[in-house]
Full PDB file with SEQRES, HELIX, SHEET, SSBOND, CRYST1, ORIGX, SCALE, CONECT and MASTER records, all heavy atoms in Angstrom:
SEQRES   1 A   40  ASP LEU THR VAL TYR VAL ARG ASP SER GLY ALA SER SER          
SEQRES   2 A   40  ASP GLY LYS GLU LEU TYR PHE ARG PHE GLU GLU ILE HIS          
SEQRES   3 A   40  ILE GLN ARG GLY TYR THR LEU GLU GLU MET LYS ARG LEU          
SEQRES   4 A   40  ILE                                                          
HELIX    1 AA1 LEU A   33  LEU A   39  1                                   7    
SHEET    1 AA1 2 LEU A   2  ALA A  11  0                                        
SHEET    2 AA1 2 GLU A  17  GLU A  24 -1                                        
CRYST1    1.000    1.000    1.000  90.00  90.00  90.00 P 1           1          
ORIGX1      1.000000  0.000000  0.000000        0.00000                         
ORIGX2      0.000000  1.000000  0.000000        0.00000                         
ORIGX3      0.000000  0.000000  1.000000        0.00000                         
SCALE1      1.000000  0.000000  0.000000        0.00000                         
SCALE2      0.000000  1.000000  0.000000        0.00000                         
SCALE3      0.000000  0.000000  1.000000        0.00000                         
ATOM      1  N   ASP A   1      14.973  10.069  -2.124  1.00  0.00           N  
ATOM      2  CA  ASP A   1      13.962   9.068  -1.783  1.00  0.00           C  
ATOM      3  C   ASP A   1      13.928   8.068  -2.929  1.00  0.00           C  
ATOM      4  O   ASP A   1      13.504   8.383  -4.044  1.00  0.00           O  
ATOM      5  CB  ASP A   1      12.592   9.723  -1.593  1.00  0.00           C  
ATOM      6  CG  ASP A   1      12.527  10.546  -0.323  1.00  0.00           C  
ATOM      7  OD1 ASP A   1      13.531  10.592   0.404  1.00  0.00           O  
ATOM      8  OD2 ASP A   1      11.490  11.177  -0.067  1.00  0.00           O  
ATOM      9  N   LEU A   2      14.386   6.866  -2.653  1.00  0.00           N  
ATOM     10  CA  LEU A   2      14.578   5.857  -3.684  1.00  0.00           C  
ATOM     11  C   LEU A   2      13.544   4.747  -3.545  1.00  0.00           C  
ATOM     12  O   LEU A   2      13.398   4.151  -2.474  1.00  0.00           O  
ATOM     13  CB  LEU A   2      15.991   5.271  -3.572  1.00  0.00           C  
ATOM     14  CG  LEU A   2      16.383   4.166  -4.548  1.00  0.00           C  
ATOM     15  CD1 LEU A   2      16.447   4.717  -5.975  1.00  0.00           C  
ATOM     16  CD2 LEU A   2      17.731   3.575  -4.154  1.00  0.00           C  
ATOM     17  N   THR A   3      12.826   4.485  -4.620  1.00  0.00           N  
ATOM     18  CA  THR A   3      11.882   3.371  -4.681  1.00  0.00           C  
ATOM     19  C   THR A   3      12.319   2.442  -5.809  1.00  0.00           C  
ATOM     20  O   THR A   3      12.502   2.892  -6.951  1.00  0.00           O  
ATOM     21  CB  THR A   3      10.447   3.853  -4.948  1.00  0.00           C  
ATOM     22  OG1 THR A   3      10.077   4.810  -3.943  1.00  0.00           O  
ATOM     23  CG2 THR A   3       9.467   2.698  -4.917  1.00  0.00           C  
ATOM     24  N   VAL A   4      12.499   1.168  -5.495  1.00  0.00           N  
ATOM     25  CA  VAL A   4      13.003   0.193  -6.470  1.00  0.00           C  
ATOM     26  C   VAL A   4      12.030  -0.973  -6.562  1.00  0.00           C  
ATOM     27  O   VAL A   4      11.526  -1.465  -5.546  1.00  0.00           O  
ATOM     28  CB  VAL A   4      14.412  -0.316  -6.078  1.00  0.00           C  
ATOM     29  CG1 VAL A   4      14.909  -1.346  -7.092  1.00  0.00           C  
ATOM     30  CG2 VAL A   4      15.391   0.841  -5.979  1.00  0.00           C  
ATOM     31  N   TYR A   5      11.796  -1.401  -7.781  1.00  0.00           N  
ATOM     32  CA  TYR A   5      10.995  -2.591  -8.055  1.00  0.00           C  
ATOM     33  C   TYR A   5      11.906  -3.620  -8.730  1.00  0.00           C  
ATOM     34  O   TYR A   5      12.494  -3.335  -9.776  1.00  0.00           O  
ATOM     35  CB  TYR A   5       9.820  -2.262  -8.979  1.00  0.00           C  
ATOM     36  CG  TYR A   5       8.852  -1.261  -8.405  1.00  0.00           C  
ATOM     37  CD1 TYR A   5       9.067   0.112  -8.558  1.00  0.00           C  
ATOM     38  CD2 TYR A   5       7.716  -1.669  -7.719  1.00  0.00           C  
ATOM     39  CE1 TYR A   5       8.181   1.038  -8.037  1.00  0.00           C  
ATOM     40  CE2 TYR A   5       6.825  -0.755  -7.191  1.00  0.00           C  
ATOM     41  CZ  TYR A   5       7.064   0.603  -7.355  1.00  0.00           C  
ATOM     42  OH  TYR A   5       6.189   1.524  -6.832  1.00  0.00           O  
ATOM     43  N   VAL A   6      12.028  -4.799  -8.137  1.00  0.00           N  
ATOM     44  CA  VAL A   6      12.918  -5.831  -8.647  1.00  0.00           C  
ATOM     45  C   VAL A   6      12.099  -7.072  -8.990  1.00  0.00           C  
ATOM     46  O   VAL A   6      11.316  -7.553  -8.169  1.00  0.00           O  
ATOM     47  CB  VAL A   6      14.001  -6.207  -7.613  1.00  0.00           C  
ATOM     48  CG1 VAL A   6      14.971  -7.231  -8.203  1.00  0.00           C  
ATOM     49  CG2 VAL A   6      14.752  -4.966  -7.148  1.00  0.00           C  
ATOM     50  N   ARG A   7      12.296  -7.592 -10.201  1.00  0.00           N  
ATOM     51  CA  ARG A   7      11.538  -8.754 -10.633  1.00  0.00           C  
ATOM     52  C   ARG A   7      11.956 -10.001  -9.865  1.00  0.00           C  
ATOM     53  O   ARG A   7      13.142 -10.283  -9.719  1.00  0.00           O  
ATOM     54  CB  ARG A   7      11.721  -8.985 -12.134  1.00  0.00           C  
ATOM     55  CG  ARG A   7      10.831 -10.099 -12.686  1.00  0.00           C  
ATOM     56  CD  ARG A   7      10.787 -10.134 -14.188  1.00  0.00           C  
ATOM     57  NE  ARG A   7      12.083 -10.446 -14.762  1.00  0.00           N  
ATOM     58  CZ  ARG A   7      12.304 -10.559 -16.068  1.00  0.00           C  
ATOM     59  NH1 ARG A   7      11.304 -10.348 -16.920  1.00  0.00           N  
ATOM     60  NH2 ARG A   7      13.505 -10.853 -16.520  1.00  0.00           N  
ATOM     61  N   ASP A   8      10.965 -10.741  -9.387  1.00  0.00           N  
ATOM     62  CA  ASP A   8      11.212 -12.003  -8.690  1.00  0.00           C  
ATOM     63  C   ASP A   8      11.532 -13.077  -9.735  1.00  0.00           C  
ATOM     64  O   ASP A   8      10.932 -13.107 -10.814  1.00  0.00           O  
ATOM     65  CB  ASP A   8       9.965 -12.381  -7.898  1.00  0.00           C  
ATOM     66  CG  ASP A   8      10.175 -13.611  -7.025  1.00  0.00           C  
ATOM     67  OD1 ASP A   8      11.301 -14.143  -7.002  1.00  0.00           O  
ATOM     68  OD2 ASP A   8       9.204 -14.039  -6.392  1.00  0.00           O  
ATOM     69  N   SER A   9      12.482 -13.928  -9.410  1.00  0.00           N  
ATOM     70  CA  SER A   9      12.859 -14.990 -10.338  1.00  0.00           C  
ATOM     71  C   SER A   9      11.766 -16.037 -10.480  1.00  0.00           C  
ATOM     72  O   SER A   9      11.723 -16.791 -11.451  1.00  0.00           O  
ATOM     73  CB  SER A   9      14.155 -15.670  -9.886  1.00  0.00           C  
ATOM     74  OG  SER A   9      14.015 -16.182  -8.574  1.00  0.00           O  
ATOM     75  N   GLY A  10      10.869 -16.081  -9.494  1.00  0.00           N  
ATOM     76  CA  GLY A  10       9.757 -17.019  -9.561  1.00  0.00           C  
ATOM     77  C   GLY A  10       8.542 -16.388 -10.226  1.00  0.00           C  
ATOM     78  O   GLY A  10       8.622 -15.346 -10.867  1.00  0.00           O  
ATOM     79  N   ALA A  11       7.412 -17.012 -10.066  1.00  0.00           N  
ATOM     80  CA  ALA A  11       6.174 -16.496 -10.658  1.00  0.00           C  
ATOM     81  C   ALA A  11       5.017 -16.818  -9.728  1.00  0.00           C  
ATOM     82  O   ALA A  11       5.086 -17.717  -8.888  1.00  0.00           O  
ATOM     83  CB  ALA A  11       5.929 -17.110 -12.032  1.00  0.00           C  
ATOM     84  N   SER A  12       3.945 -16.084  -9.886  1.00  0.00           N  
ATOM     85  CA  SER A  12       2.761 -16.331  -9.066  1.00  0.00           C  
ATOM     86  C   SER A  12       2.037 -17.574  -9.561  1.00  0.00           C  
ATOM     87  O   SER A  12       2.363 -18.146 -10.605  1.00  0.00           O  
ATOM     88  CB  SER A  12       1.837 -15.113  -9.132  1.00  0.00           C  
ATOM     89  OG  SER A  12       1.339 -14.953 -10.449  1.00  0.00           O  
ATOM     90  N   SER A  13       1.039 -17.988  -8.819  1.00  0.00           N  
ATOM     91  CA  SER A  13       0.301 -19.202  -9.168  1.00  0.00           C  
ATOM     92  C   SER A  13      -0.417 -19.083 -10.506  1.00  0.00           C  
ATOM     93  O   SER A  13      -0.658 -20.077 -11.191  1.00  0.00           O  
ATOM     94  CB  SER A  13      -0.711 -19.530  -8.071  1.00  0.00           C  
ATOM     95  OG  SER A  13      -1.604 -18.443  -7.877  1.00  0.00           O  
ATOM     96  N   ASP A  14      -0.742 -17.851 -10.914  1.00  0.00           N  
ATOM     97  CA  ASP A  14      -1.428 -17.669 -12.198  1.00  0.00           C  
ATOM     98  C   ASP A  14      -0.449 -17.353 -13.329  1.00  0.00           C  
ATOM     99  O   ASP A  14      -0.865 -16.986 -14.430  1.00  0.00           O  
ATOM    100  CB  ASP A  14      -2.494 -16.572 -12.093  1.00  0.00           C  
ATOM    101  CG  ASP A  14      -1.907 -15.236 -11.658  1.00  0.00           C  
ATOM    102  OD1 ASP A  14      -0.669 -15.135 -11.504  1.00  0.00           O  
ATOM    103  OD2 ASP A  14      -2.687 -14.294 -11.471  1.00  0.00           O  
ATOM    104  N   GLY A  15       0.860 -17.489 -13.044  1.00  0.00           N  
ATOM    105  CA  GLY A  15       1.856 -17.307 -14.095  1.00  0.00           C  
ATOM    106  C   GLY A  15       2.295 -15.880 -14.326  1.00  0.00           C  
ATOM    107  O   GLY A  15       3.145 -15.616 -15.187  1.00  0.00           O  
ATOM    108  N   LYS A  16       1.750 -14.937 -13.580  1.00  0.00           N  
ATOM    109  CA  LYS A  16       2.127 -13.543 -13.758  1.00  0.00           C  
ATOM    110  C   LYS A  16       3.457 -13.249 -13.060  1.00  0.00           C  
ATOM    111  O   LYS A  16       3.798 -13.890 -12.071  1.00  0.00           O  
ATOM    112  CB  LYS A  16       1.034 -12.627 -13.204  1.00  0.00           C  
ATOM    113  CG  LYS A  16      -0.269 -12.685 -13.974  1.00  0.00           C  
ATOM    114  CD  LYS A  16      -1.279 -11.705 -13.401  1.00  0.00           C  
ATOM    115  CE  LYS A  16      -2.578 -11.748 -14.173  1.00  0.00           C  
ATOM    116  NZ  LYS A  16      -3.584 -10.790 -13.627  1.00  0.00           N  
ATOM    117  N   GLU A  17       4.198 -12.267 -13.594  1.00  0.00           N  
ATOM    118  CA  GLU A  17       5.474 -11.889 -12.991  1.00  0.00           C  
ATOM    119  C   GLU A  17       5.240 -11.168 -11.670  1.00  0.00           C  
ATOM    120  O   GLU A  17       4.273 -10.403 -11.522  1.00  0.00           O  
ATOM    121  CB  GLU A  17       6.274 -10.990 -13.936  1.00  0.00           C  
ATOM    122  CG  GLU A  17       6.788 -11.706 -15.176  1.00  0.00           C  
ATOM    123  CD  GLU A  17       7.632 -10.792 -16.043  1.00  0.00           C  
ATOM    124  OE1 GLU A  17       7.421  -9.559 -15.980  1.00  0.00           O  
ATOM    125  OE2 GLU A  17       8.499 -11.306 -16.763  1.00  0.00           O  
ATOM    126  N   LEU A  18       6.139 -11.423 -10.723  1.00  0.00           N  
ATOM    127  CA  LEU A  18       6.076 -10.769  -9.419  1.00  0.00           C  
ATOM    128  C   LEU A  18       7.268  -9.833  -9.250  1.00  0.00           C  
ATOM    129  O   LEU A  18       8.361 -10.107  -9.761  1.00  0.00           O  
ATOM    130  CB  LEU A  18       6.084 -11.818  -8.306  1.00  0.00           C  
ATOM    131  CG  LEU A  18       4.912 -12.794  -8.267  1.00  0.00           C  
ATOM    132  CD1 LEU A  18       5.125 -13.808  -7.151  1.00  0.00           C  
ATOM    133  CD2 LEU A  18       3.591 -12.052  -8.080  1.00  0.00           C  
ATOM    134  N   TYR A  19       7.059  -8.739  -8.532  1.00  0.00           N  
ATOM    135  CA  TYR A  19       8.119  -7.775  -8.272  1.00  0.00           C  
ATOM    136  C   TYR A  19       8.185  -7.475  -6.779  1.00  0.00           C  
ATOM    137  O   TYR A  19       7.161  -7.362  -6.116  1.00  0.00           O  
ATOM    138  CB  TYR A  19       7.875  -6.471  -9.044  1.00  0.00           C  
ATOM    139  CG  TYR A  19       8.154  -6.574 -10.528  1.00  0.00           C  
ATOM    140  CD1 TYR A  19       7.216  -7.139 -11.386  1.00  0.00           C  
ATOM    141  CD2 TYR A  19       9.344  -6.119 -11.070  1.00  0.00           C  
ATOM    142  CE1 TYR A  19       7.450  -7.247 -12.741  1.00  0.00           C  
ATOM    143  CE2 TYR A  19       9.592  -6.213 -12.433  1.00  0.00           C  
ATOM    144  CZ  TYR A  19       8.645  -6.777 -13.256  1.00  0.00           C  
ATOM    145  OH  TYR A  19       8.902  -6.893 -14.603  1.00  0.00           O  
ATOM    146  N   PHE A  20       9.422  -7.370  -6.278  1.00  0.00           N  
ATOM    147  CA  PHE A  20       9.627  -6.888  -4.922  1.00  0.00           C  
ATOM    148  C   PHE A  20       9.751  -5.367  -4.974  1.00  0.00           C  
ATOM    149  O   PHE A  20      10.392  -4.820  -5.871  1.00  0.00           O  
ATOM    150  CB  PHE A  20      10.909  -7.479  -4.329  1.00  0.00           C  
ATOM    151  CG  PHE A  20      10.853  -8.957  -4.102  1.00  0.00           C  
ATOM    152  CD1 PHE A  20      11.564  -9.821  -4.917  1.00  0.00           C  
ATOM    153  CD2 PHE A  20      10.102  -9.489  -3.069  1.00  0.00           C  
ATOM    154  CE1 PHE A  20      11.520 -11.188  -4.710  1.00  0.00           C  
ATOM    155  CE2 PHE A  20      10.054 -10.855  -2.852  1.00  0.00           C  
ATOM    156  CZ  PHE A  20      10.774 -11.704  -3.679  1.00  0.00           C  
ATOM    157  N   ARG A  21       9.168  -4.696  -4.004  1.00  0.00           N  
ATOM    158  CA  ARG A  21       9.272  -3.243  -3.909  1.00  0.00           C  
ATOM    159  C   ARG A  21       9.940  -2.883  -2.593  1.00  0.00           C  
ATOM    160  O   ARG A  21       9.575  -3.404  -1.550  1.00  0.00           O  
ATOM    161  CB  ARG A  21       7.898  -2.596  -3.971  1.00  0.00           C  
ATOM    162  CG  ARG A  21       7.874  -1.079  -3.799  1.00  0.00           C  
ATOM    163  CD  ARG A  21       6.424  -0.583  -3.852  1.00  0.00           C  
ATOM    164  NE  ARG A  21       6.327   0.857  -3.771  1.00  0.00           N  
ATOM    165  CZ  ARG A  21       6.235   1.551  -2.651  1.00  0.00           C  
ATOM    166  NH1 ARG A  21       6.260   0.899  -1.477  1.00  0.00           N  
ATOM    167  NH2 ARG A  21       6.137   2.863  -2.665  1.00  0.00           N  
ATOM    168  N   PHE A  22      10.947  -2.010  -2.644  1.00  0.00           N  
ATOM    169  CA  PHE A  22      11.541  -1.529  -1.400  1.00  0.00           C  
ATOM    170  C   PHE A  22      11.906  -0.059  -1.535  1.00  0.00           C  
ATOM    171  O   PHE A  22      12.050   0.461  -2.640  1.00  0.00           O  
ATOM    172  CB  PHE A  22      12.771  -2.360  -0.999  1.00  0.00           C  
ATOM    173  CG  PHE A  22      13.916  -2.328  -1.972  1.00  0.00           C  
ATOM    174  CD1 PHE A  22      14.860  -1.308  -1.929  1.00  0.00           C  
ATOM    175  CD2 PHE A  22      14.062  -3.318  -2.926  1.00  0.00           C  
ATOM    176  CE1 PHE A  22      15.924  -1.279  -2.817  1.00  0.00           C  
ATOM    177  CE2 PHE A  22      15.132  -3.302  -3.822  1.00  0.00           C  
ATOM    178  CZ  PHE A  22      16.057  -2.283  -3.759  1.00  0.00           C  
ATOM    179  N   GLU A  23      12.024   0.590  -0.401  1.00  0.00           N  
ATOM    180  CA  GLU A  23      12.319   2.020  -0.364  1.00  0.00           C  
ATOM    181  C   GLU A  23      13.528   2.275   0.522  1.00  0.00           C  
ATOM    182  O   GLU A  23      13.744   1.572   1.517  1.00  0.00           O  
ATOM    183  CB  GLU A  23      11.126   2.811   0.182  1.00  0.00           C  
ATOM    184  CG  GLU A  23       9.873   2.721  -0.664  1.00  0.00           C  
ATOM    185  CD  GLU A  23       8.723   3.487  -0.042  1.00  0.00           C  
ATOM    186  OE1 GLU A  23       8.810   3.795   1.168  1.00  0.00           O  
ATOM    187  OE2 GLU A  23       7.749   3.785  -0.751  1.00  0.00           O  
ATOM    188  N   GLU A  24      14.315   3.262   0.160  1.00  0.00           N  
ATOM    189  CA  GLU A  24      15.427   3.727   0.988  1.00  0.00           C  
ATOM    190  C   GLU A  24      15.503   5.242   0.895  1.00  0.00           C  
ATOM    191  O   GLU A  24      15.103   5.833  -0.108  1.00  0.00           O  
ATOM    192  CB  GLU A  24      16.766   3.121   0.531  1.00  0.00           C  
ATOM    193  CG  GLU A  24      16.920   1.659   0.857  1.00  0.00           C  
ATOM    194  CD  GLU A  24      18.321   1.142   0.554  1.00  0.00           C  
ATOM    195  OE1 GLU A  24      19.214   1.947   0.210  1.00  0.00           O  
ATOM    196  OE2 GLU A  24      18.524  -0.074   0.678  1.00  0.00           O  
ATOM    197  N   ILE A  25      16.024   5.839   1.957  1.00  0.00           N  
ATOM    198  CA  ILE A  25      16.270   7.282   1.961  1.00  0.00           C  
ATOM    199  C   ILE A  25      17.767   7.508   2.140  1.00  0.00           C  
ATOM    200  O   ILE A  25      18.370   6.971   3.077  1.00  0.00           O  
ATOM    201  CB  ILE A  25      15.488   7.988   3.085  1.00  0.00           C  
ATOM    202  CG1 ILE A  25      13.980   7.862   2.831  1.00  0.00           C  
ATOM    203  CG2 ILE A  25      15.893   9.455   3.175  1.00  0.00           C  
ATOM    204  CD1 ILE A  25      13.126   8.428   3.958  1.00  0.00           C  
ATOM    205  N   HIS A  26      18.361   8.258   1.237  1.00  0.00           N  
ATOM    206  CA  HIS A  26      19.779   8.601   1.313  1.00  0.00           C  
ATOM    207  C   HIS A  26      19.898  10.110   1.485  1.00  0.00           C  
ATOM    208  O   HIS A  26      19.193  10.863   0.803  1.00  0.00           O  
ATOM    209  CB  HIS A  26      20.511   8.188   0.033  1.00  0.00           C  
ATOM    210  CG  HIS A  26      20.549   6.719  -0.208  1.00  0.00           C  
ATOM    211  ND1 HIS A  26      21.719   6.011  -0.334  1.00  0.00           N  
ATOM    212  CD2 HIS A  26      19.555   5.797  -0.343  1.00  0.00           C  
ATOM    213  CE1 HIS A  26      21.453   4.741  -0.540  1.00  0.00           C  
ATOM    214  NE2 HIS A  26      20.141   4.589  -0.554  1.00  0.00           N  
ATOM    215  N   ILE A  27      20.769  10.546   2.375  1.00  0.00           N  
ATOM    216  CA  ILE A  27      20.990  11.974   2.587  1.00  0.00           C  
ATOM    217  C   ILE A  27      22.466  12.278   2.409  1.00  0.00           C  
ATOM    218  O   ILE A  27      23.326  11.612   2.994  1.00  0.00           O  
ATOM    219  CB  ILE A  27      20.518  12.417   3.986  1.00  0.00           C  
ATOM    220  CG1 ILE A  27      19.019  12.142   4.151  1.00  0.00           C  
ATOM    221  CG2 ILE A  27      20.813  13.903   4.199  1.00  0.00           C  
ATOM    222  CD1 ILE A  27      18.485  12.481   5.535  1.00  0.00           C  
ATOM    223  N   GLN A  28      22.744  13.271   1.583  1.00  0.00           N  
ATOM    224  CA  GLN A  28      24.109  13.723   1.347  1.00  0.00           C  
ATOM    225  C   GLN A  28      24.176  15.238   1.519  1.00  0.00           C  
ATOM    226  O   GLN A  28      23.173  15.933   1.372  1.00  0.00           O  
ATOM    227  CB  GLN A  28      24.589  13.346  -0.051  1.00  0.00           C  
ATOM    228  CG  GLN A  28      24.757  11.861  -0.285  1.00  0.00           C  
ATOM    229  CD  GLN A  28      25.340  11.552  -1.654  1.00  0.00           C  
ATOM    230  OE1 GLN A  28      24.999  12.178  -2.651  1.00  0.00           O  
ATOM    231  NE2 GLN A  28      26.234  10.573  -1.699  1.00  0.00           N  
ATOM    232  N   ARG A  29      25.371  15.706   1.797  1.00  0.00           N  
ATOM    233  CA  ARG A  29      25.581  17.151   1.922  1.00  0.00           C  
ATOM    234  C   ARG A  29      26.510  17.621   0.818  1.00  0.00           C  
ATOM    235  O   ARG A  29      27.529  16.993   0.534  1.00  0.00           O  
ATOM    236  CB  ARG A  29      26.187  17.492   3.280  1.00  0.00           C  
ATOM    237  CG  ARG A  29      26.557  18.979   3.434  1.00  0.00           C  
ATOM    238  CD  ARG A  29      27.191  19.263   4.769  1.00  0.00           C  
ATOM    239  NE  ARG A  29      27.808  20.585   4.803  1.00  0.00           N  
ATOM    240  CZ  ARG A  29      28.568  21.036   5.787  1.00  0.00           C  
ATOM    241  NH1 ARG A  29      28.809  20.269   6.845  1.00  0.00           N  
ATOM    242  NH2 ARG A  29      29.106  22.241   5.743  1.00  0.00           N  
ATOM    243  N   GLY A  30      26.159  18.715   0.194  1.00  0.00           N  
ATOM    244  CA  GLY A  30      27.019  19.315  -0.808  1.00  0.00           C  
ATOM    245  C   GLY A  30      28.066  20.200  -0.155  1.00  0.00           C  
ATOM    246  O   GLY A  30      27.757  20.962   0.766  1.00  0.00           O  
ATOM    247  N   TYR A  31      29.297  20.090  -0.622  1.00  0.00           N  
ATOM    248  CA  TYR A  31      30.397  20.886  -0.086  1.00  0.00           C  
ATOM    249  C   TYR A  31      31.001  21.768  -1.177  1.00  0.00           C  
ATOM    250  O   TYR A  31      30.886  21.471  -2.369  1.00  0.00           O  
ATOM    251  CB  TYR A  31      31.494  19.982   0.497  1.00  0.00           C  
ATOM    252  CG  TYR A  31      31.099  19.288   1.774  1.00  0.00           C  
ATOM    253  CD1 TYR A  31      30.554  18.013   1.758  1.00  0.00           C  
ATOM    254  CD2 TYR A  31      31.262  19.919   3.009  1.00  0.00           C  
ATOM    255  CE1 TYR A  31      30.182  17.373   2.930  1.00  0.00           C  
ATOM    256  CE2 TYR A  31      30.889  19.291   4.188  1.00  0.00           C  
ATOM    257  CZ  TYR A  31      30.351  18.018   4.143  1.00  0.00           C  
ATOM    258  OH  TYR A  31      29.982  17.394   5.310  1.00  0.00           O  
ATOM    259  N   THR A  32      31.643  22.827  -0.749  1.00  0.00           N  
ATOM    260  CA  THR A  32      32.419  23.653  -1.668  1.00  0.00           C  
ATOM    261  C   THR A  32      33.892  23.279  -1.526  1.00  0.00           C  
ATOM    262  O   THR A  32      34.314  22.693  -0.520  1.00  0.00           O  
ATOM    263  CB  THR A  32      32.251  25.148  -1.358  1.00  0.00           C  
ATOM    264  OG1 THR A  32      32.832  25.433  -0.070  1.00  0.00           O  
ATOM    265  CG2 THR A  32      30.772  25.537  -1.353  1.00  0.00           C  
ATOM    266  N   LEU A  33      34.668  23.647  -2.524  1.00  0.00           N  
ATOM    267  CA  LEU A  33      36.103  23.355  -2.466  1.00  0.00           C  
ATOM    268  C   LEU A  33      36.749  24.088  -1.301  1.00  0.00           C  
ATOM    269  O   LEU A  33      37.643  23.536  -0.629  1.00  0.00           O  
ATOM    270  CB  LEU A  33      36.775  23.756  -3.785  1.00  0.00           C  
ATOM    271  CG  LEU A  33      38.287  23.520  -3.863  1.00  0.00           C  
ATOM    272  CD1 LEU A  33      38.653  22.078  -3.565  1.00  0.00           C  
ATOM    273  CD2 LEU A  33      38.819  23.952  -5.227  1.00  0.00           C  
ATOM    274  N   GLU A  34      36.327  25.306  -1.032  1.00  0.00           N  
ATOM    275  CA  GLU A  34      36.910  26.051   0.088  1.00  0.00           C  
ATOM    276  C   GLU A  34      36.638  25.366   1.415  1.00  0.00           C  
ATOM    277  O   GLU A  34      37.502  25.345   2.302  1.00  0.00           O  
ATOM    278  CB  GLU A  34      36.367  27.495   0.098  1.00  0.00           C  
ATOM    279  CG  GLU A  34      36.859  28.342  -1.065  1.00  0.00           C  
ATOM    280  CD  GLU A  34      38.384  28.316  -1.199  1.00  0.00           C  
ATOM    281  OE1 GLU A  34      39.067  28.502  -0.166  1.00  0.00           O  
ATOM    282  OE2 GLU A  34      38.869  28.097  -2.317  1.00  0.00           O  
ATOM    283  N   GLU A  35      35.450  24.803   1.574  1.00  0.00           N  
ATOM    284  CA  GLU A  35      35.148  24.061   2.801  1.00  0.00           C  
ATOM    285  C   GLU A  35      36.061  22.848   2.926  1.00  0.00           C  
ATOM    286  O   GLU A  35      36.577  22.551   4.018  1.00  0.00           O  
ATOM    287  CB  GLU A  35      33.683  23.624   2.788  1.00  0.00           C  
ATOM    288  CG  GLU A  35      32.698  24.758   3.026  1.00  0.00           C  
ATOM    289  CD  GLU A  35      31.260  24.318   2.859  1.00  0.00           C  
ATOM    290  OE1 GLU A  35      30.974  23.489   1.971  1.00  0.00           O  
ATOM    291  OE2 GLU A  35      30.405  24.813   3.636  1.00  0.00           O  
ATOM    292  N   MET A  36      36.281  22.141   1.831  1.00  0.00           N  
ATOM    293  CA  MET A  36      37.153  20.976   1.872  1.00  0.00           C  
ATOM    294  C   MET A  36      38.599  21.367   2.181  1.00  0.00           C  
ATOM    295  O   MET A  36      39.277  20.687   2.963  1.00  0.00           O  
ATOM    296  CB  MET A  36      37.089  20.219   0.541  1.00  0.00           C  
ATOM    297  CG  MET A  36      35.832  19.400   0.368  1.00  0.00           C  
ATOM    298  SD  MET A  36      35.699  18.100   1.646  1.00  0.00           S  
ATOM    299  CE  MET A  36      34.248  17.229   1.064  1.00  0.00           C  
ATOM    300  N   LYS A  37      39.070  22.435   1.606  1.00  0.00           N  
ATOM    301  CA  LYS A  37      40.434  22.899   1.888  1.00  0.00           C  
ATOM    302  C   LYS A  37      40.600  23.206   3.372  1.00  0.00           C  
ATOM    303  O   LYS A  37      41.617  22.869   3.990  1.00  0.00           O  
ATOM    304  CB  LYS A  37      40.758  24.150   1.055  1.00  0.00           C  
ATOM    305  CG  LYS A  37      41.007  23.888  -0.414  1.00  0.00           C  
ATOM    306  CD  LYS A  37      41.352  25.207  -1.122  1.00  0.00           C  
ATOM    307  CE  LYS A  37      41.694  25.011  -2.569  1.00  0.00           C  
ATOM    308  NZ  LYS A  37      42.025  26.295  -3.248  1.00  0.00           N  
ATOM    309  N   ARG A  38      39.594  23.868   3.946  1.00  0.00           N  
ATOM    310  CA  ARG A  38      39.655  24.225   5.363  1.00  0.00           C  
ATOM    311  C   ARG A  38      39.694  22.978   6.240  1.00  0.00           C  
ATOM    312  O   ARG A  38      40.475  22.896   7.197  1.00  0.00           O  
ATOM    313  CB  ARG A  38      38.447  25.098   5.716  1.00  0.00           C  
ATOM    314  CG  ARG A  38      38.296  25.386   7.210  1.00  0.00           C  
ATOM    315  CD  ARG A  38      37.155  26.345   7.480  1.00  0.00           C  
ATOM    316  NE  ARG A  38      35.902  25.905   6.927  1.00  0.00           N  
ATOM    317  CZ  ARG A  38      35.111  24.994   7.485  1.00  0.00           C  
ATOM    318  NH1 ARG A  38      35.457  24.416   8.627  1.00  0.00           N  
ATOM    319  NH2 ARG A  38      33.951  24.662   6.918  1.00  0.00           N  
ATOM    320  N   LEU A  39      38.882  21.986   5.893  1.00  0.00           N  
ATOM    321  CA  LEU A  39      38.831  20.760   6.683  1.00  0.00           C  
ATOM    322  C   LEU A  39      40.101  19.929   6.515  1.00  0.00           C  
ATOM    323  O   LEU A  39      40.577  19.302   7.467  1.00  0.00           O  
ATOM    324  CB  LEU A  39      37.600  19.943   6.284  1.00  0.00           C  
ATOM    325  CG  LEU A  39      36.266  20.547   6.737  1.00  0.00           C  
ATOM    326  CD1 LEU A  39      35.098  19.959   5.961  1.00  0.00           C  
ATOM    327  CD2 LEU A  39      36.069  20.335   8.236  1.00  0.00           C  
ATOM    328  N   ILE A  40      40.660  19.928   5.341  1.00  0.00           N  
ATOM    329  CA  ILE A  40      41.930  19.227   5.096  1.00  0.00           C  
ATOM    330  C   ILE A  40      43.028  19.829   5.970  1.00  0.00           C  
ATOM    331  O   ILE A  40      43.769  19.117   6.658  1.00  0.00           O  
ATOM    332  CB  ILE A  40      42.308  19.303   3.601  1.00  0.00           C  
ATOM    333  CG1 ILE A  40      41.404  18.382   2.773  1.00  0.00           C  
ATOM    334  CG2 ILE A  40      43.772  18.938   3.386  1.00  0.00           C  
ATOM    335  CD1 ILE A  40      41.535  18.582   1.274  1.00  0.00           C  
TER     336      ILE A  40                                                      
MASTER        0    0    0    1    2    0    0    6  335    1    0    4          
END                                                                             
C-alpha cells in the first residue's frame, strides 16, 4: 500500500508549499526456485 506526497511546482495564494497526494496498491507473489524450474 503506497502513499506518495509530491511537491507542487506552484504555490498557494498565501505562499505556502502545496503537495499532491496519491495512493496505489501493488500486489506481488513470492516464488521459490523450484516453482520457477517447474514452470520453465
